[in-house]
Amino acid sequence: MRHVPSVSRAVTPRPPRRGQIRTVISEPSRQVVIYSGNMLNDIPGEHVITMDVVDQTEALCVEVSDNSWIRYTWLDHFANEELGEVVGEVSEDLMSTVNTRLFMVIATS
């Protein structure tokens, strides 16, 4: 019988990606969509920009699914280490809609 030594490797968590829906470790029931671009998300120690994902439609929301909406005016930020597991993903088309809606809110006088 041949002996194969086991090699333990530290697994480095991957940085968050734009469009991922993730939990927040300190608030497990809270979900956020990663809004910032991957260039920012890849910087160690930097915070990522997020938007809340809610389970009830409210003003200024974009529908993700039958029971979740992105509240695009609720911007927040978290360190990578504060984000939990990936629970979903938003398409590029929907992220583009979010961009347009947020821009309309900011640019409208």
N, C-alpha and C. Protein backbone atom coordinates (compact mmCIF):
# COMPACT_ATOMS: atom_id res chain seq x y z
N MET A 1 0.84 -1.17 0.00
CA MET A 1 0.00 0.00 0.00
C MET A 1 0.89 1.24 0.00
N ARG A 2 0.58 2.14 -0.86
CA ARG A 2 1.37 3.36 -0.98
C ARG A 2 0.81 4.45 -0.07
N HIS A 3 1.69 5.14 0.65
CA HIS A 3 1.27 6.21 1.55
C HIS A 3 1.40 7.56 0.84
N VAL A 4 0.31 8.31 0.81
CA VAL A 4 0.31 9.64 0.20
C VAL A 4 0.16 10.65 1.33
N PRO A 5 1.18 11.49 1.52
CA PRO A 5 1.08 12.47 2.60
C PRO A 5 -0.04 13.46 2.34
N SER A 6 -0.73 13.79 3.42
CA SER A 6 -1.80 14.79 3.26
C SER A 6 -1.20 16.18 3.35
N VAL A 7 -1.70 17.02 2.53
CA VAL A 7 -1.23 18.40 2.49
C VAL A 7 -2.41 19.28 2.84
N SER A 8 -2.27 20.04 3.90
CA SER A 8 -3.35 20.95 4.24
C SER A 8 -3.01 22.32 3.68
N ARG A 9 -3.97 22.89 3.02
CA ARG A 9 -3.78 24.19 2.42
C ARG A 9 -4.82 25.14 2.97
N ALA A 10 -4.39 26.33 3.28
CA ALA A 10 -5.34 27.33 3.73
C ALA A 10 -6.14 27.79 2.51
N VAL A 11 -7.44 27.82 2.69
CA VAL A 11 -8.31 28.26 1.62
C VAL A 11 -8.58 29.75 1.82
N THR A 12 -8.18 30.51 0.85
CA THR A 12 -8.41 31.94 0.91
C THR A 12 -9.78 32.22 0.33
N PRO A 13 -10.66 32.86 1.10
CA PRO A 13 -11.98 33.14 0.54
C PRO A 13 -11.88 34.07 -0.66
N ARG A 14 -12.71 33.82 -1.64
CA ARG A 14 -12.72 34.66 -2.83
C ARG A 14 -13.39 35.99 -2.50
N PRO A 15 -12.90 37.06 -3.10
CA PRO A 15 -13.55 38.35 -2.85
C PRO A 15 -14.96 38.36 -3.43
N PRO A 16 -15.81 39.20 -2.88
CA PRO A 16 -17.17 39.29 -3.42
C PRO A 16 -17.15 39.77 -4.87
N ARG A 17 -18.12 39.35 -5.64
CA ARG A 17 -18.23 39.74 -7.04
C ARG A 17 -19.49 40.59 -7.22
N ARG A 18 -19.40 41.55 -8.10
CA ARG A 18 -20.55 42.42 -8.41
C ARG A 18 -21.74 41.55 -8.83
N GLY A 19 -22.90 41.83 -8.25
CA GLY A 19 -24.12 41.10 -8.58
C GLY A 19 -24.42 39.93 -7.67
N GLN A 20 -23.48 39.53 -6.82
CA GLN A 20 -23.76 38.45 -5.86
C GLN A 20 -24.72 38.96 -4.78
N ILE A 21 -25.61 38.09 -4.37
CA ILE A 21 -26.44 38.37 -3.20
C ILE A 21 -25.83 37.57 -2.06
N ARG A 22 -25.49 38.26 -0.96
CA ARG A 22 -24.80 37.61 0.15
C ARG A 22 -25.48 37.95 1.47
N THR A 23 -25.26 37.07 2.43
CA THR A 23 -25.72 37.37 3.78
C THR A 23 -24.68 38.25 4.46
N VAL A 24 -25.08 38.83 5.58
CA VAL A 24 -24.19 39.64 6.41
C VAL A 24 -23.98 38.85 7.69
N ILE A 25 -22.73 38.56 8.03
CA ILE A 25 -22.43 37.67 9.16
C ILE A 25 -23.05 38.16 10.46
N SER A 26 -22.97 39.46 10.75
CA SER A 26 -23.50 39.98 12.01
C SER A 26 -25.02 40.04 12.05
N GLU A 27 -25.66 39.99 10.89
CA GLU A 27 -27.12 40.01 10.78
C GLU A 27 -27.55 38.93 9.79
N PRO A 28 -27.59 37.66 10.22
CA PRO A 28 -27.80 36.55 9.29
C PRO A 28 -29.06 36.64 8.44
N SER A 29 -30.08 37.34 8.91
CA SER A 29 -31.29 37.43 8.10
C SER A 29 -31.20 38.54 7.05
N ARG A 30 -30.17 39.37 7.13
CA ARG A 30 -30.00 40.47 6.17
C ARG A 30 -29.27 39.98 4.93
N GLN A 31 -29.79 40.36 3.77
CA GLN A 31 -29.14 40.04 2.50
C GLN A 31 -28.84 41.34 1.76
N VAL A 32 -27.70 41.35 1.09
CA VAL A 32 -27.28 42.52 0.31
C VAL A 32 -26.79 42.05 -1.04
N VAL A 33 -26.91 42.94 -2.04
CA VAL A 33 -26.33 42.67 -3.34
C VAL A 33 -25.04 43.49 -3.42
N ILE A 34 -24.00 42.88 -3.95
CA ILE A 34 -22.72 43.58 -4.11
C ILE A 34 -22.87 44.51 -5.30
N TYR A 35 -22.74 45.83 -5.04
CA TYR A 35 -22.92 46.83 -6.08
C TYR A 35 -21.60 47.32 -6.66
N SER A 36 -20.57 47.40 -5.82
CA SER A 36 -19.29 47.94 -6.30
C SER A 36 -18.67 47.02 -7.35
N GLY A 37 -17.84 47.62 -8.18
CA GLY A 37 -17.17 46.87 -9.24
C GLY A 37 -16.10 45.94 -8.69
N ASN A 38 -15.79 44.90 -9.45
CA ASN A 38 -14.83 43.89 -8.99
C ASN A 38 -13.43 44.44 -8.77
N MET A 39 -13.07 45.53 -9.45
CA MET A 39 -11.75 46.12 -9.23
C MET A 39 -11.63 46.60 -7.77
N LEU A 40 -12.66 47.25 -7.26
CA LEU A 40 -12.68 47.67 -5.86
C LEU A 40 -12.78 46.46 -4.94
N ASN A 41 -13.62 45.50 -5.30
CA ASN A 41 -13.85 44.33 -4.46
C ASN A 41 -12.59 43.49 -4.27
N ASP A 42 -11.66 43.56 -5.21
CA ASP A 42 -10.43 42.77 -5.13
C ASP A 42 -9.35 43.38 -4.23
N ILE A 43 -9.54 44.60 -3.78
CA ILE A 43 -8.52 45.27 -2.96
C ILE A 43 -8.62 44.76 -1.52
N PRO A 44 -7.56 44.11 -1.01
CA PRO A 44 -7.61 43.59 0.36
C PRO A 44 -7.82 44.72 1.36
N GLY A 45 -8.70 44.48 2.32
CA GLY A 45 -8.94 45.45 3.37
C GLY A 45 -9.89 46.57 2.99
N GLU A 46 -10.30 46.61 1.74
CA GLU A 46 -11.22 47.66 1.29
C GLU A 46 -12.66 47.22 1.54
N HIS A 47 -13.54 48.17 1.72
CA HIS A 47 -14.96 47.88 1.88
C HIS A 47 -15.62 47.78 0.51
N VAL A 48 -16.66 46.96 0.41
CA VAL A 48 -17.43 46.85 -0.82
C VAL A 48 -18.75 47.61 -0.62
N ILE A 49 -19.28 48.13 -1.71
CA ILE A 49 -20.53 48.87 -1.66
C ILE A 49 -21.67 47.91 -1.94
N THR A 50 -22.72 48.02 -1.12
CA THR A 50 -23.84 47.09 -1.22
C THR A 50 -25.17 47.84 -1.26
N MET A 51 -26.22 47.10 -1.62
CA MET A 51 -27.59 47.58 -1.56
C MET A 51 -28.40 46.48 -0.88
N ASP A 52 -29.37 46.88 -0.07
CA ASP A 52 -30.19 45.89 0.62
C ASP A 52 -31.10 45.14 -0.34
N VAL A 53 -31.27 43.85 -0.04
CA VAL A 53 -32.25 43.01 -0.74
C VAL A 53 -33.36 42.76 0.28
N VAL A 54 -34.58 43.17 -0.05
CA VAL A 54 -35.70 43.09 0.89
C VAL A 54 -36.74 42.11 0.39
N ASP A 55 -37.61 41.66 1.30
CA ASP A 55 -38.61 40.67 0.93
C ASP A 55 -40.01 41.26 0.71
N GLN A 56 -40.10 42.58 0.71
CA GLN A 56 -41.36 43.27 0.41
C GLN A 56 -41.05 44.40 -0.56
N THR A 57 -41.91 44.58 -1.54
CA THR A 57 -41.70 45.67 -2.47
C THR A 57 -41.98 47.00 -1.78
N GLU A 58 -41.16 47.95 -2.06
CA GLU A 58 -41.31 49.30 -1.52
C GLU A 58 -40.99 50.26 -2.64
N ALA A 59 -41.18 51.54 -2.38
CA ALA A 59 -40.84 52.54 -3.38
C ALA A 59 -39.34 52.41 -3.70
N LEU A 60 -38.99 52.67 -4.93
CA LEU A 60 -37.60 52.67 -5.38
C LEU A 60 -36.92 51.31 -5.22
N CYS A 61 -37.60 50.28 -5.69
CA CYS A 61 -37.06 48.91 -5.67
C CYS A 61 -37.08 48.34 -7.09
N VAL A 62 -36.19 47.39 -7.31
CA VAL A 62 -36.17 46.62 -8.56
C VAL A 62 -36.37 45.16 -8.18
N GLU A 63 -37.28 44.48 -8.85
CA GLU A 63 -37.60 43.09 -8.52
C GLU A 63 -36.49 42.15 -8.96
N VAL A 64 -36.08 41.28 -8.03
CA VAL A 64 -35.08 40.25 -8.32
C VAL A 64 -35.78 38.94 -8.62
N SER A 65 -36.78 38.61 -7.80
CA SER A 65 -37.55 37.37 -7.97
C SER A 65 -38.95 37.62 -7.41
N ASP A 66 -39.74 36.57 -7.32
CA ASP A 66 -41.11 36.71 -6.82
C ASP A 66 -41.18 37.27 -5.41
N ASN A 67 -40.13 37.04 -4.63
CA ASN A 67 -40.19 37.50 -3.23
C ASN A 67 -38.95 38.25 -2.77
N SER A 68 -38.25 38.90 -3.69
CA SER A 68 -37.12 39.74 -3.26
C SER A 68 -36.91 40.90 -4.24
N TRP A 69 -36.51 42.02 -3.65
CA TRP A 69 -36.32 43.26 -4.40
C TRP A 69 -35.04 43.93 -3.93
N ILE A 70 -34.36 44.61 -4.85
CA ILE A 70 -33.19 45.41 -4.50
C ILE A 70 -33.67 46.81 -4.20
N ARG A 71 -33.34 47.29 -3.02
CA ARG A 71 -33.66 48.66 -2.64
C ARG A 71 -32.46 49.52 -3.01
N TYR A 72 -32.47 50.05 -4.23
CA TYR A 72 -31.27 50.65 -4.81
C TYR A 72 -30.89 52.00 -4.23
N THR A 73 -31.72 52.61 -3.41
CA THR A 73 -31.33 53.86 -2.75
C THR A 73 -30.76 53.61 -1.36
N TRP A 74 -30.72 52.37 -0.91
CA TRP A 74 -30.16 52.02 0.39
C TRP A 74 -28.75 51.51 0.21
N LEU A 75 -27.83 52.41 -0.03
CA LEU A 75 -26.43 52.04 -0.19
C LEU A 75 -25.78 51.87 1.17
N ASP A 76 -24.92 50.88 1.28
CA ASP A 76 -24.18 50.62 2.51
C ASP A 76 -22.80 50.12 2.11
N HIS A 77 -21.96 49.82 3.08
CA HIS A 77 -20.65 49.26 2.78
C HIS A 77 -20.25 48.29 3.88
N PHE A 78 -19.51 47.26 3.49
CA PHE A 78 -19.04 46.24 4.42
C PHE A 78 -17.62 45.84 4.04
N ALA A 79 -16.85 45.46 5.04
CA ALA A 79 -15.56 44.82 4.78
C ALA A 79 -15.83 43.42 4.25
N ASN A 80 -14.95 42.90 3.42
CA ASN A 80 -15.13 41.55 2.87
C ASN A 80 -15.40 40.53 3.96
N GLU A 81 -14.70 40.68 5.10
CA GLU A 81 -14.81 39.70 6.19
C GLU A 81 -16.19 39.72 6.85
N GLU A 82 -16.97 40.78 6.64
CA GLU A 82 -18.29 40.89 7.24
C GLU A 82 -19.37 40.20 6.41
N LEU A 83 -19.02 39.79 5.19
CA LEU A 83 -20.00 39.17 4.31
C LEU A 83 -20.00 37.67 4.47
N GLY A 84 -21.20 37.10 4.48
CA GLY A 84 -21.36 35.66 4.62
C GLY A 84 -21.47 34.97 3.27
N GLU A 85 -22.25 33.92 3.26
CA GLU A 85 -22.35 33.07 2.07
C GLU A 85 -23.10 33.73 0.92
N VAL A 86 -22.80 33.25 -0.28
CA VAL A 86 -23.52 33.69 -1.48
C VAL A 86 -24.83 32.93 -1.52
N VAL A 87 -25.95 33.67 -1.61
CA VAL A 87 -27.27 33.04 -1.63
C VAL A 87 -28.00 33.27 -2.95
N GLY A 88 -27.36 34.00 -3.85
CA GLY A 88 -27.98 34.25 -5.15
C GLY A 88 -27.10 35.14 -6.00
N GLU A 89 -27.57 35.42 -7.19
CA GLU A 89 -26.83 36.28 -8.10
C GLU A 89 -27.80 37.04 -8.97
N VAL A 90 -27.45 38.29 -9.27
CA VAL A 90 -28.27 39.16 -10.09
C VAL A 90 -27.61 39.25 -11.46
N SER A 91 -28.43 39.19 -12.50
CA SER A 91 -27.90 39.24 -13.88
C SER A 91 -27.32 40.62 -14.18
N GLU A 92 -26.45 40.65 -15.19
CA GLU A 92 -25.86 41.92 -15.64
C GLU A 92 -26.95 42.87 -16.13
N ASP A 93 -27.98 42.34 -16.79
CA ASP A 93 -29.08 43.18 -17.27
C ASP A 93 -29.79 43.87 -16.11
N LEU A 94 -30.04 43.11 -15.04
CA LEU A 94 -30.72 43.70 -13.89
C LEU A 94 -29.81 44.70 -13.18
N MET A 95 -28.52 44.42 -13.10
CA MET A 95 -27.58 45.39 -12.50
C MET A 95 -27.55 46.67 -13.33
N SER A 96 -27.68 46.56 -14.63
CA SER A 96 -27.74 47.73 -15.50
C SER A 96 -28.99 48.56 -15.21
N THR A 97 -30.11 47.88 -14.97
CA THR A 97 -31.34 48.57 -14.60
C THR A 97 -31.18 49.29 -13.28
N VAL A 98 -30.54 48.64 -12.32
CA VAL A 98 -30.27 49.26 -11.02
C VAL A 98 -29.41 50.51 -11.22
N ASN A 99 -28.36 50.42 -12.04
CA ASN A 99 -27.50 51.58 -12.33
C ASN A 99 -28.33 52.75 -12.86
N THR A 100 -29.17 52.45 -13.84
CA THR A 100 -29.98 53.49 -14.48
C THR A 100 -30.92 54.14 -13.48
N ARG A 101 -31.60 53.32 -12.68
CA ARG A 101 -32.55 53.86 -11.71
C ARG A 101 -31.84 54.71 -10.65
N LEU A 102 -30.70 54.24 -10.16
CA LEU A 102 -29.96 55.01 -9.16
C LEU A 102 -29.49 56.34 -9.77
N PHE A 103 -28.99 56.30 -11.00
CA PHE A 103 -28.55 57.52 -11.66
C PHE A 103 -29.71 58.51 -11.82
N MET A 104 -30.89 58.01 -12.17
CA MET A 104 -32.07 58.88 -12.33
C MET A 104 -32.42 59.56 -11.01
N VAL A 105 -32.29 58.85 -9.90
CA VAL A 105 -32.61 59.43 -8.59
C VAL A 105 -31.57 60.50 -8.26
N ILE A 106 -30.30 60.22 -8.51
CA ILE A 106 -29.23 61.16 -8.15
C ILE A 106 -29.22 62.38 -9.07
N ALA A 107 -29.47 62.16 -10.36
CA ALA A 107 -29.31 63.24 -11.34
C ALA A 107 -30.56 64.08 -11.55
N THR A 108 -31.71 63.64 -11.03
CA THR A 108 -32.95 64.37 -11.25
C THR A 108 -33.05 65.51 -10.25
N SER A 109 -33.32 66.70 -10.77
CA SER A 109 -33.47 67.84 -9.86
C SER A 109 -34.91 68.23 -9.68
